[in-house]
mmCIF file of all heavy atoms, coordinates in Angstrom:
data_MODEL
# 
_entry.id   MODEL 
# 
loop_
_atom_site.group_PDB 
_atom_site.id 
_atom_site.type_symbol 
_atom_site.label_atom_id 
_atom_site.label_alt_id 
_atom_site.label_comp_id 
_atom_site.label_asym_id 
_atom_site.label_entity_id 
_atom_site.label_seq_id 
_atom_site.pdbx_PDB_ins_code 
_atom_site.Cartn_x 
_atom_site.Cartn_y 
_atom_site.Cartn_z 
_atom_site.occupancy 
_atom_site.B_iso_or_equiv 
_atom_site.pdbx_formal_charge 
_atom_site.auth_seq_id 
_atom_site.auth_comp_id 
_atom_site.auth_asym_id 
_atom_site.auth_atom_id 
_atom_site.pdbx_PDB_model_num 
ATOM 1   N N   . ARG A 1 1  ? -9.239  4.205  2.945   1.00 0.00 ? 1  ARG A N   1 
ATOM 2   C CA  . ARG A 1 1  ? -9.620  2.918  3.542   1.00 0.00 ? 1  ARG A CA  1 
ATOM 3   C C   . ARG A 1 1  ? -9.994  3.097  5.010   1.00 0.00 ? 1  ARG A C   1 
ATOM 4   O O   . ARG A 1 1  ? -10.863 2.394  5.524   1.00 0.00 ? 1  ARG A O   1 
ATOM 5   C CB  . ARG A 1 1  ? -8.481  1.907  3.380   1.00 0.00 ? 1  ARG A CB  1 
ATOM 6   C CG  . ARG A 1 1  ? -8.195  1.538  1.935   1.00 0.00 ? 1  ARG A CG  1 
ATOM 7   C CD  . ARG A 1 1  ? -7.190  0.421  1.835   1.00 0.00 ? 1  ARG A CD  1 
ATOM 8   N NE  . ARG A 1 1  ? -7.726  -0.846 2.285   1.00 0.00 ? 1  ARG A NE  1 
ATOM 9   C CZ  . ARG A 1 1  ? -8.410  -1.693 1.525   1.00 0.00 ? 1  ARG A CZ  1 
ATOM 10  N NH1 . ARG A 1 1  ? -8.654  -1.395 0.257   1.00 0.00 ? 1  ARG A NH1 1 
ATOM 11  N NH2 . ARG A 1 1  ? -8.848  -2.837 2.018   1.00 0.00 ? 1  ARG A NH2 1 
ATOM 12  N N   . PHE A 1 2  ? -9.346  4.046  5.681   1.00 0.00 ? 2  PHE A N   1 
ATOM 13  C CA  . PHE A 1 2  ? -9.703  4.281  7.075   1.00 0.00 ? 2  PHE A CA  1 
ATOM 14  C C   . PHE A 1 2  ? -11.102 4.874  7.190   1.00 0.00 ? 2  PHE A C   1 
ATOM 15  O O   . PHE A 1 2  ? -11.911 4.456  8.022   1.00 0.00 ? 2  PHE A O   1 
ATOM 16  C CB  . PHE A 1 2  ? -8.676  5.210  7.717   1.00 0.00 ? 2  PHE A CB  1 
ATOM 17  C CG  . PHE A 1 2  ? -9.079  5.699  9.083   1.00 0.00 ? 2  PHE A CG  1 
ATOM 18  C CD1 . PHE A 1 2  ? -9.077  4.838  10.166  1.00 0.00 ? 2  PHE A CD1 1 
ATOM 19  C CD2 . PHE A 1 2  ? -9.470  7.012  9.267   1.00 0.00 ? 2  PHE A CD2 1 
ATOM 20  C CE1 . PHE A 1 2  ? -9.456  5.272  11.414  1.00 0.00 ? 2  PHE A CE1 1 
ATOM 21  C CE2 . PHE A 1 2  ? -9.847  7.459  10.512  1.00 0.00 ? 2  PHE A CE2 1 
ATOM 22  C CZ  . PHE A 1 2  ? -9.842  6.596  11.595  1.00 0.00 ? 2  PHE A CZ  1 
ATOM 23  N N   . LEU A 1 3  ? -11.420 5.856  6.334   1.00 0.00 ? 3  LEU A N   1 
ATOM 24  C CA  . LEU A 1 3  ? -12.746 6.465  6.381   1.00 0.00 ? 3  LEU A CA  1 
ATOM 25  C C   . LEU A 1 3  ? -13.836 5.476  5.995   1.00 0.00 ? 3  LEU A C   1 
ATOM 26  O O   . LEU A 1 3  ? -14.948 5.517  6.520   1.00 0.00 ? 3  LEU A O   1 
ATOM 27  C CB  . LEU A 1 3  ? -12.786 7.677  5.447   1.00 0.00 ? 3  LEU A CB  1 
ATOM 28  C CG  . LEU A 1 3  ? -12.051 8.933  5.920   1.00 0.00 ? 3  LEU A CG  1 
ATOM 29  C CD1 . LEU A 1 3  ? -12.137 10.015 4.864   1.00 0.00 ? 3  LEU A CD1 1 
ATOM 30  C CD2 . LEU A 1 3  ? -12.607 9.426  7.235   1.00 0.00 ? 3  LEU A CD2 1 
ATOM 31  N N   . ALA A 1 4  ? -13.521 4.576  5.053   1.00 0.00 ? 4  ALA A N   1 
ATOM 32  C CA  . ALA A 1 4  ? -14.509 3.591  4.600   1.00 0.00 ? 4  ALA A CA  1 
ATOM 33  C C   . ALA A 1 4  ? -14.643 2.410  5.549   1.00 0.00 ? 4  ALA A C   1 
ATOM 34  O O   . ALA A 1 4  ? -15.494 1.542  5.334   1.00 0.00 ? 4  ALA A O   1 
ATOM 35  C CB  . ALA A 1 4  ? -14.160 3.102  3.200   1.00 0.00 ? 4  ALA A CB  1 
ATOM 36  N N   . GLY A 1 5  ? -13.794 2.349  6.580   1.00 0.00 ? 5  GLY A N   1 
ATOM 37  C CA  . GLY A 1 5  ? -13.843 1.225  7.506   1.00 0.00 ? 5  GLY A CA  1 
ATOM 38  C C   . GLY A 1 5  ? -13.320 -0.071 6.928   1.00 0.00 ? 5  GLY A C   1 
ATOM 39  O O   . GLY A 1 5  ? -13.653 -1.151 7.422   1.00 0.00 ? 5  GLY A O   1 
ATOM 40  N N   . GLN A 1 6  ? -12.494 0.013  5.905   1.00 0.00 ? 6  GLN A N   1 
ATOM 41  C CA  . GLN A 1 6  ? -11.936 -1.182 5.270   1.00 0.00 ? 6  GLN A CA  1 
ATOM 42  C C   . GLN A 1 6  ? -10.625 -1.569 5.946   1.00 0.00 ? 6  GLN A C   1 
ATOM 43  O O   . GLN A 1 6  ? -9.976  -0.736 6.600   1.00 0.00 ? 6  GLN A O   1 
ATOM 44  C CB  . GLN A 1 6  ? -11.710 -0.935 3.782   1.00 0.00 ? 6  GLN A CB  1 
ATOM 45  C CG  . GLN A 1 6  ? -12.980 -0.626 3.013   1.00 0.00 ? 6  GLN A CG  1 
ATOM 46  C CD  . GLN A 1 6  ? -12.696 -0.273 1.565   1.00 0.00 ? 6  GLN A CD  1 
ATOM 47  O OE1 . GLN A 1 6  ? -11.565 -0.044 1.180   1.00 0.00 ? 6  GLN A OE1 1 
ATOM 48  N NE2 . GLN A 1 6  ? -13.757 -0.215 0.755   1.00 0.00 ? 6  GLN A NE2 1 
ATOM 49  N N   . PRO A 1 7  ? -10.196 -2.825 5.788   1.00 0.00 ? 7  PRO A N   1 
ATOM 50  C CA  . PRO A 1 7  ? -8.920  -3.251 6.392   1.00 0.00 ? 7  PRO A CA  1 
ATOM 51  C C   . PRO A 1 7  ? -7.761  -2.446 5.841   1.00 0.00 ? 7  PRO A C   1 
ATOM 52  O O   . PRO A 1 7  ? -7.728  -2.114 4.646   1.00 0.00 ? 7  PRO A O   1 
ATOM 53  C CB  . PRO A 1 7  ? -8.804  -4.733 5.999   1.00 0.00 ? 7  PRO A CB  1 
ATOM 54  C CG  . PRO A 1 7  ? -10.202 -5.157 5.692   1.00 0.00 ? 7  PRO A CG  1 
ATOM 55  C CD  . PRO A 1 7  ? -10.890 -3.954 5.138   1.00 0.00 ? 7  PRO A CD  1 
ATOM 56  N N   . PRO A 1 8  ? -6.788  -2.098 6.669   1.00 0.00 ? 8  PRO A N   1 
ATOM 57  C CA  . PRO A 1 8  ? -5.637  -1.315 6.184   1.00 0.00 ? 8  PRO A CA  1 
ATOM 58  C C   . PRO A 1 8  ? -4.750  -2.144 5.266   1.00 0.00 ? 8  PRO A C   1 
ATOM 59  O O   . PRO A 1 8  ? -4.792  -3.380 5.275   1.00 0.00 ? 8  PRO A O   1 
ATOM 60  C CB  . PRO A 1 8  ? -4.901  -0.925 7.479   1.00 0.00 ? 8  PRO A CB  1 
ATOM 61  C CG  . PRO A 1 8  ? -5.296  -1.980 8.462   1.00 0.00 ? 8  PRO A CG  1 
ATOM 62  C CD  . PRO A 1 8  ? -6.699  -2.383 8.114   1.00 0.00 ? 8  PRO A CD  1 
ATOM 63  N N   . LEU A 1 9  ? -3.937  -1.444 4.477   1.00 0.00 ? 9  LEU A N   1 
ATOM 64  C CA  . LEU A 1 9  ? -3.066  -2.087 3.496   1.00 0.00 ? 9  LEU A CA  1 
ATOM 65  C C   . LEU A 1 9  ? -1.643  -2.161 4.025   1.00 0.00 ? 9  LEU A C   1 
ATOM 66  O O   . LEU A 1 9  ? -1.159  -1.225 4.668   1.00 0.00 ? 9  LEU A O   1 
ATOM 67  C CB  . LEU A 1 9  ? -3.078  -1.312 2.177   1.00 0.00 ? 9  LEU A CB  1 
ATOM 68  C CG  . LEU A 1 9  ? -4.424  -1.193 1.463   1.00 0.00 ? 9  LEU A CG  1 
ATOM 69  C CD1 . LEU A 1 9  ? -4.280  -0.349 0.207   1.00 0.00 ? 9  LEU A CD1 1 
ATOM 70  C CD2 . LEU A 1 9  ? -4.977  -2.567 1.117   1.00 0.00 ? 9  LEU A CD2 1 
ATOM 71  N N   . ALA A 1 10 ? -0.958  -3.272 3.725   1.00 0.00 ? 10 ALA A N   1 
ATOM 72  C CA  . ALA A 1 10 ? 0.449   -3.422 4.067   1.00 0.00 ? 10 ALA A CA  1 
ATOM 73  C C   . ALA A 1 10 ? 1.303   -2.816 2.958   1.00 0.00 ? 10 ALA A C   1 
ATOM 74  O O   . ALA A 1 10 ? 0.797   -2.390 1.910   1.00 0.00 ? 10 ALA A O   1 
ATOM 75  C CB  . ALA A 1 10 ? 0.799   -4.898 4.276   1.00 0.00 ? 10 ALA A CB  1 
ATOM 76  N N   . ALA A 1 11 ? 2.614   -2.792 3.199   1.00 0.00 ? 11 ALA A N   1 
ATOM 77  C CA  . ALA A 1 11 ? 3.534   -2.150 2.254   1.00 0.00 ? 11 ALA A CA  1 
ATOM 78  C C   . ALA A 1 11 ? 3.479   -2.815 0.889   1.00 0.00 ? 11 ALA A C   1 
ATOM 79  O O   . ALA A 1 11 ? 3.498   -2.138 -0.151  1.00 0.00 ? 11 ALA A O   1 
ATOM 80  C CB  . ALA A 1 11 ? 4.956   -2.183 2.810   1.00 0.00 ? 11 ALA A CB  1 
ATOM 81  N N   . GLU A 1 12 ? 3.389   -4.140 0.849   1.00 0.00 ? 12 GLU A N   1 
ATOM 82  C CA  . GLU A 1 12 ? 3.382   -4.847 -0.440  1.00 0.00 ? 12 GLU A CA  1 
ATOM 83  C C   . GLU A 1 12 ? 2.148   -4.503 -1.252  1.00 0.00 ? 12 GLU A C   1 
ATOM 84  O O   . GLU A 1 12 ? 2.222   -4.275 -2.457  1.00 0.00 ? 12 GLU A O   1 
ATOM 85  C CB  . GLU A 1 12 ? 3.460   -6.352 -0.190  1.00 0.00 ? 12 GLU A CB  1 
ATOM 86  C CG  . GLU A 1 12 ? 3.533   -7.185 -1.455  1.00 0.00 ? 12 GLU A CG  1 
ATOM 87  C CD  . GLU A 1 12 ? 3.677   -8.671 -1.174  1.00 0.00 ? 12 GLU A CD  1 
ATOM 88  O OE1 . GLU A 1 12 ? 3.950   -9.028 -0.006  1.00 0.00 ? 12 GLU A OE1 1 
ATOM 89  O OE2 . GLU A 1 12 ? 3.519   -9.460 -2.113  1.00 0.00 ? 12 GLU A OE2 1 
ATOM 90  N N   . GLU A 1 13 ? 0.988   -4.420 -0.590  1.00 0.00 ? 13 GLU A N   1 
ATOM 91  C CA  . GLU A 1 13 ? -0.240  -4.087 -1.310  1.00 0.00 ? 13 GLU A CA  1 
ATOM 92  C C   . GLU A 1 13 ? -0.244  -2.624 -1.738  1.00 0.00 ? 13 GLU A C   1 
ATOM 93  O O   . GLU A 1 13 ? -0.741  -2.279 -2.817  1.00 0.00 ? 13 GLU A O   1 
ATOM 94  C CB  . GLU A 1 13 ? -1.457  -4.392 -0.429  1.00 0.00 ? 13 GLU A CB  1 
ATOM 95  C CG  . GLU A 1 13 ? -2.783  -4.201 -1.121  1.00 0.00 ? 13 GLU A CG  1 
ATOM 96  C CD  . GLU A 1 13 ? -2.940  -5.062 -2.359  1.00 0.00 ? 13 GLU A CD  1 
ATOM 97  O OE1 . GLU A 1 13 ? -2.400  -6.188 -2.373  1.00 0.00 ? 13 GLU A OE1 1 
ATOM 98  O OE2 . GLU A 1 13 ? -3.610  -4.605 -3.309  1.00 0.00 ? 13 GLU A OE2 1 
ATOM 99  N N   . LEU A 1 14 ? 0.317   -1.743 -0.902  1.00 0.00 ? 14 LEU A N   1 
ATOM 100 C CA  . LEU A 1 14 ? 0.432   -0.344 -1.299  1.00 0.00 ? 14 LEU A CA  1 
ATOM 101 C C   . LEU A 1 14 ? 1.309   -0.205 -2.543  1.00 0.00 ? 14 LEU A C   1 
ATOM 102 O O   . LEU A 1 14 ? 0.990   0.557  -3.459  1.00 0.00 ? 14 LEU A O   1 
ATOM 103 C CB  . LEU A 1 14 ? 1.007   0.478  -0.147  1.00 0.00 ? 14 LEU A CB  1 
ATOM 104 C CG  . LEU A 1 14 ? 0.072   0.762  1.035   1.00 0.00 ? 14 LEU A CG  1 
ATOM 105 C CD1 . LEU A 1 14 ? 0.848   1.377  2.188   1.00 0.00 ? 14 LEU A CD1 1 
ATOM 106 C CD2 . LEU A 1 14 ? -1.070  1.675  0.615   1.00 0.00 ? 14 LEU A CD2 1 
ATOM 107 N N   . ALA A 1 15 ? 2.420   -0.937 -2.554  1.00 0.00 ? 15 ALA A N   1 
ATOM 108 C CA  . ALA A 1 15 ? 3.312   -0.883 -3.718  1.00 0.00 ? 15 ALA A CA  1 
ATOM 109 C C   . ALA A 1 15 ? 2.615   -1.416 -4.957  1.00 0.00 ? 15 ALA A C   1 
ATOM 110 O O   . ALA A 1 15 ? 2.787   -0.889 -6.061  1.00 0.00 ? 15 ALA A O   1 
ATOM 111 C CB  . ALA A 1 15 ? 4.581   -1.684 -3.431  1.00 0.00 ? 15 ALA A CB  1 
ATOM 112 N N   . ARG A 1 16 ? 1.807   -2.450 -4.796  1.00 0.00 ? 16 ARG A N   1 
ATOM 113 C CA  . ARG A 1 16 ? 1.111   -3.018 -5.955  1.00 0.00 ? 16 ARG A CA  1 
ATOM 114 C C   . ARG A 1 16 ? 0.078   -2.027 -6.499  1.00 0.00 ? 16 ARG A C   1 
ATOM 115 O O   . ARG A 1 16 ? -0.062  -1.883 -7.719  1.00 0.00 ? 16 ARG A O   1 
ATOM 116 C CB  . ARG A 1 16 ? 0.445   -4.335 -5.564  1.00 0.00 ? 16 ARG A CB  1 
ATOM 117 C CG  . ARG A 1 16 ? -0.210  -5.070 -6.737  1.00 0.00 ? 16 ARG A CG  1 
ATOM 118 C CD  . ARG A 1 16 ? -0.771  -6.411 -6.333  1.00 0.00 ? 16 ARG A CD  1 
ATOM 119 N NE  . ARG A 1 16 ? 0.280   -7.304 -5.906  1.00 0.00 ? 16 ARG A NE  1 
ATOM 120 C CZ  . ARG A 1 16 ? 0.482   -7.703 -4.658  1.00 0.00 ? 16 ARG A CZ  1 
ATOM 121 N NH1 . ARG A 1 16 ? -0.338  -7.284 -3.700  1.00 0.00 ? 16 ARG A NH1 1 
ATOM 122 N NH2 . ARG A 1 16 ? 1.453   -8.526 -4.335  1.00 0.00 ? 16 ARG A NH2 1 
ATOM 123 N N   . GLN A 1 17 ? -0.650  -1.359 -5.627  1.00 0.00 ? 17 GLN A N   1 
ATOM 124 C CA  . GLN A 1 17 ? -1.654  -0.418 -6.107  1.00 0.00 ? 17 GLN A CA  1 
ATOM 125 C C   . GLN A 1 17 ? -1.024  0.841  -6.698  1.00 0.00 ? 17 GLN A C   1 
ATOM 126 O O   . GLN A 1 17 ? -1.578  1.443  -7.620  1.00 0.00 ? 17 GLN A O   1 
ATOM 127 C CB  . GLN A 1 17 ? -2.599  -0.045 -4.962  1.00 0.00 ? 17 GLN A CB  1 
ATOM 128 C CG  . GLN A 1 17 ? -3.463  -1.195 -4.481  1.00 0.00 ? 17 GLN A CG  1 
ATOM 129 C CD  . GLN A 1 17 ? -4.751  -0.715 -3.834  1.00 0.00 ? 17 GLN A CD  1 
ATOM 130 O OE1 . GLN A 1 17 ? -5.189  0.409  -4.047  1.00 0.00 ? 17 GLN A OE1 1 
ATOM 131 N NE2 . GLN A 1 17 ? -5.366  -1.586 -3.047  1.00 0.00 ? 17 GLN A NE2 1 
ATOM 132 N N   . MET A 1 18 ? 0.145   1.231  -6.168  1.00 0.00 ? 18 MET A N   1 
ATOM 133 C CA  . MET A 1 18 ? 0.843   2.385  -6.724  1.00 0.00 ? 18 MET A CA  1 
ATOM 134 C C   . MET A 1 18 ? 1.700   2.014  -7.933  1.00 0.00 ? 18 MET A C   1 
ATOM 135 O O   . MET A 1 18 ? 2.290   2.885  -8.570  1.00 0.00 ? 18 MET A O   1 
ATOM 136 C CB  . MET A 1 18 ? 1.733   3.034  -5.652  1.00 0.00 ? 18 MET A CB  1 
ATOM 137 C CG  . MET A 1 18 ? 0.970   3.569  -4.442  1.00 0.00 ? 18 MET A CG  1 
ATOM 138 S SD  . MET A 1 18 ? -0.279  4.803  -4.869  1.00 0.00 ? 18 MET A SD  1 
ATOM 139 C CE  . MET A 1 18 ? 0.735   6.100  -5.543  1.00 0.00 ? 18 MET A CE  1 
ATOM 140 N N   . ARG A 1 19 ? 1.814   0.701  -8.221  1.00 0.00 ? 19 ARG A N   1 
ATOM 141 C CA  . ARG A 1 19 ? 2.547   0.187  -9.383  1.00 0.00 ? 19 ARG A CA  1 
ATOM 142 C C   . ARG A 1 19 ? 4.022   0.579  -9.341  1.00 0.00 ? 19 ARG A C   1 
ATOM 143 O O   . ARG A 1 19 ? 4.607   1.028  -10.338 1.00 0.00 ? 19 ARG A O   1 
ATOM 144 C CB  . ARG A 1 19 ? 1.909   0.682  -10.682 1.00 0.00 ? 19 ARG A CB  1 
ATOM 145 C CG  . ARG A 1 19 ? 0.486   0.183  -10.879 1.00 0.00 ? 19 ARG A CG  1 
ATOM 146 C CD  . ARG A 1 19 ? -0.100  0.682  -12.185 1.00 0.00 ? 19 ARG A CD  1 
ATOM 147 N NE  . ARG A 1 19 ? -1.481  0.226  -12.343 1.00 0.00 ? 19 ARG A NE  1 
ATOM 148 C CZ  . ARG A 1 19 ? -2.263  0.541  -13.362 1.00 0.00 ? 19 ARG A CZ  1 
ATOM 149 N NH1 . ARG A 1 19 ? -1.784  1.310  -14.338 1.00 0.00 ? 19 ARG A NH1 1 
ATOM 150 N NH2 . ARG A 1 19 ? -3.498  0.103  -13.425 1.00 0.00 ? 19 ARG A NH2 1 
ATOM 151 N N   . VAL A 1 20 ? 4.616   0.422  -8.176  1.00 0.00 ? 20 VAL A N   1 
ATOM 152 C CA  . VAL A 1 20 ? 6.051   0.655  -8.007  1.00 0.00 ? 20 VAL A CA  1 
ATOM 153 C C   . VAL A 1 20 ? 6.621   -0.509 -7.217  1.00 0.00 ? 20 VAL A C   1 
ATOM 154 O O   . VAL A 1 20 ? 5.901   -1.182 -6.474  1.00 0.00 ? 20 VAL A O   1 
ATOM 155 C CB  . VAL A 1 20 ? 6.340   1.987  -7.277  1.00 0.00 ? 20 VAL A CB  1 
ATOM 156 C CG1 . VAL A 1 20 ? 5.890   3.167  -8.107  1.00 0.00 ? 20 VAL A CG1 1 
ATOM 157 C CG2 . VAL A 1 20 ? 5.672   2.015  -5.913  1.00 0.00 ? 20 VAL A CG2 1 
ATOM 158 N N   . PRO A 1 21 ? 7.911   -0.807 -7.344  1.00 0.00 ? 21 PRO A N   1 
ATOM 159 C CA  . PRO A 1 21 ? 8.516   -1.883 -6.556  1.00 0.00 ? 21 PRO A CA  1 
ATOM 160 C C   . PRO A 1 21 ? 8.457   -1.585 -5.067  1.00 0.00 ? 21 PRO A C   1 
ATOM 161 O O   . PRO A 1 21 ? 8.491   -0.426 -4.630  1.00 0.00 ? 21 PRO A O   1 
ATOM 162 C CB  . PRO A 1 21 ? 9.966   -1.918 -7.063  1.00 0.00 ? 21 PRO A CB  1 
ATOM 163 C CG  . PRO A 1 21 ? 9.910   -1.283 -8.416  1.00 0.00 ? 21 PRO A CG  1 
ATOM 164 C CD  . PRO A 1 21 ? 8.843   -0.261 -8.338  1.00 0.00 ? 21 PRO A CD  1 
ATOM 165 N N   . ALA A 1 22 ? 8.379   -2.642 -4.276  1.00 0.00 ? 22 ALA A N   1 
ATOM 166 C CA  . ALA A 1 22 ? 8.297   -2.487 -2.821  1.00 0.00 ? 22 ALA A CA  1 
ATOM 167 C C   . ALA A 1 22 ? 9.551   -1.831 -2.262  1.00 0.00 ? 22 ALA A C   1 
ATOM 168 O O   . ALA A 1 22 ? 9.487   -1.077 -1.283  1.00 0.00 ? 22 ALA A O   1 
ATOM 169 C CB  . ALA A 1 22 ? 8.060   -3.849 -2.159  1.00 0.00 ? 22 ALA A CB  1 
ATOM 170 N N   . ASP A 1 23 ? 10.721  -2.115 -2.855  1.00 0.00 ? 23 ASP A N   1 
ATOM 171 C CA  . ASP A 1 23 ? 11.948  -1.485 -2.383  1.00 0.00 ? 23 ASP A CA  1 
ATOM 172 C C   . ASP A 1 23 ? 11.921  0.023  -2.590  1.00 0.00 ? 23 ASP A C   1 
ATOM 173 O O   . ASP A 1 23 ? 12.496  0.774  -1.803  1.00 0.00 ? 23 ASP A O   1 
ATOM 174 C CB  . ASP A 1 23 ? 13.164  -2.079 -3.111  1.00 0.00 ? 23 ASP A CB  1 
ATOM 175 C CG  . ASP A 1 23 ? 13.440  -3.500 -2.666  1.00 0.00 ? 23 ASP A CG  1 
ATOM 176 O OD1 . ASP A 1 23 ? 12.862  -3.911 -1.655  1.00 0.00 ? 23 ASP A OD1 1 
ATOM 177 O OD2 . ASP A 1 23 ? 14.222  -4.189 -3.333  1.00 0.00 ? 23 ASP A OD2 1 
ATOM 178 N N   . ALA A 1 24 ? 11.264  0.478  -3.642  1.00 0.00 ? 24 ALA A N   1 
ATOM 179 C CA  . ALA A 1 24 ? 11.213  1.909  -3.927  1.00 0.00 ? 24 ALA A CA  1 
ATOM 180 C C   . ALA A 1 24 ? 10.263  2.631  -2.984  1.00 0.00 ? 24 ALA A C   1 
ATOM 181 O O   . ALA A 1 24 ? 10.481  3.804  -2.657  1.00 0.00 ? 24 ALA A O   1 
ATOM 182 C CB  . ALA A 1 24 ? 10.787  2.133  -5.379  1.00 0.00 ? 24 ALA A CB  1 
ATOM 183 N N   . ILE A 1 25 ? 9.221   1.946  -2.546  1.00 0.00 ? 25 ILE A N   1 
ATOM 184 C CA  . ILE A 1 25 ? 8.241   2.593  -1.693  1.00 0.00 ? 25 ILE A CA  1 
ATOM 185 C C   . ILE A 1 25 ? 8.678   2.609  -0.228  1.00 0.00 ? 25 ILE A C   1 
ATOM 186 O O   . ILE A 1 25 ? 8.146   3.395  0.574   1.00 0.00 ? 25 ILE A O   1 
ATOM 187 C CB  . ILE A 1 25 ? 6.871   1.891  -1.837  1.00 0.00 ? 25 ILE A CB  1 
ATOM 188 C CG1 . ILE A 1 25 ? 5.732   2.853  -1.501  1.00 0.00 ? 25 ILE A CG1 1 
ATOM 189 C CG2 . ILE A 1 25 ? 6.773   0.673  -0.953  1.00 0.00 ? 25 ILE A CG2 1 
ATOM 190 C CD1 . ILE A 1 25 ? 4.359   2.257  -1.745  1.00 0.00 ? 25 ILE A CD1 1 
ATOM 191 N N   . ALA A 1 26 ? 9.653   1.768  0.123   1.00 0.00 ? 26 ALA A N   1 
ATOM 192 C CA  . ALA A 1 26 ? 10.062  1.649  1.528   1.00 0.00 ? 26 ALA A CA  1 
ATOM 193 C C   . ALA A 1 26 ? 10.578  2.968  2.112   1.00 0.00 ? 26 ALA A C   1 
ATOM 194 O O   . ALA A 1 26 ? 10.184  3.334  3.230   1.00 0.00 ? 26 ALA A O   1 
ATOM 195 C CB  . ALA A 1 26 ? 11.102  0.541  1.673   1.00 0.00 ? 26 ALA A CB  1 
ATOM 196 N N   . PRO A 1 27 ? 11.472  3.733  1.423   1.00 0.00 ? 27 PRO A N   1 
ATOM 197 C CA  . PRO A 1 27 ? 11.936  5.000  2.026   1.00 0.00 ? 27 PRO A CA  1 
ATOM 198 C C   . PRO A 1 27 ? 10.808  5.998  2.259   1.00 0.00 ? 27 PRO A C   1 
ATOM 199 O O   . PRO A 1 27 ? 10.841  6.756  3.236   1.00 0.00 ? 27 PRO A O   1 
ATOM 200 C CB  . PRO A 1 27 ? 12.952  5.525  1.005   1.00 0.00 ? 27 PRO A CB  1 
ATOM 201 C CG  . PRO A 1 27 ? 13.361  4.331  0.205   1.00 0.00 ? 27 PRO A CG  1 
ATOM 202 C CD  . PRO A 1 27 ? 12.159  3.466  0.154   1.00 0.00 ? 27 PRO A CD  1 
# 
């Protein structure tokens, strides 16, 4: 997303795209 010049993703959206709970992705 940085190379494409797109808006960065927050933790919740990263967790959704990785298909894991947000609590699991936090560490």
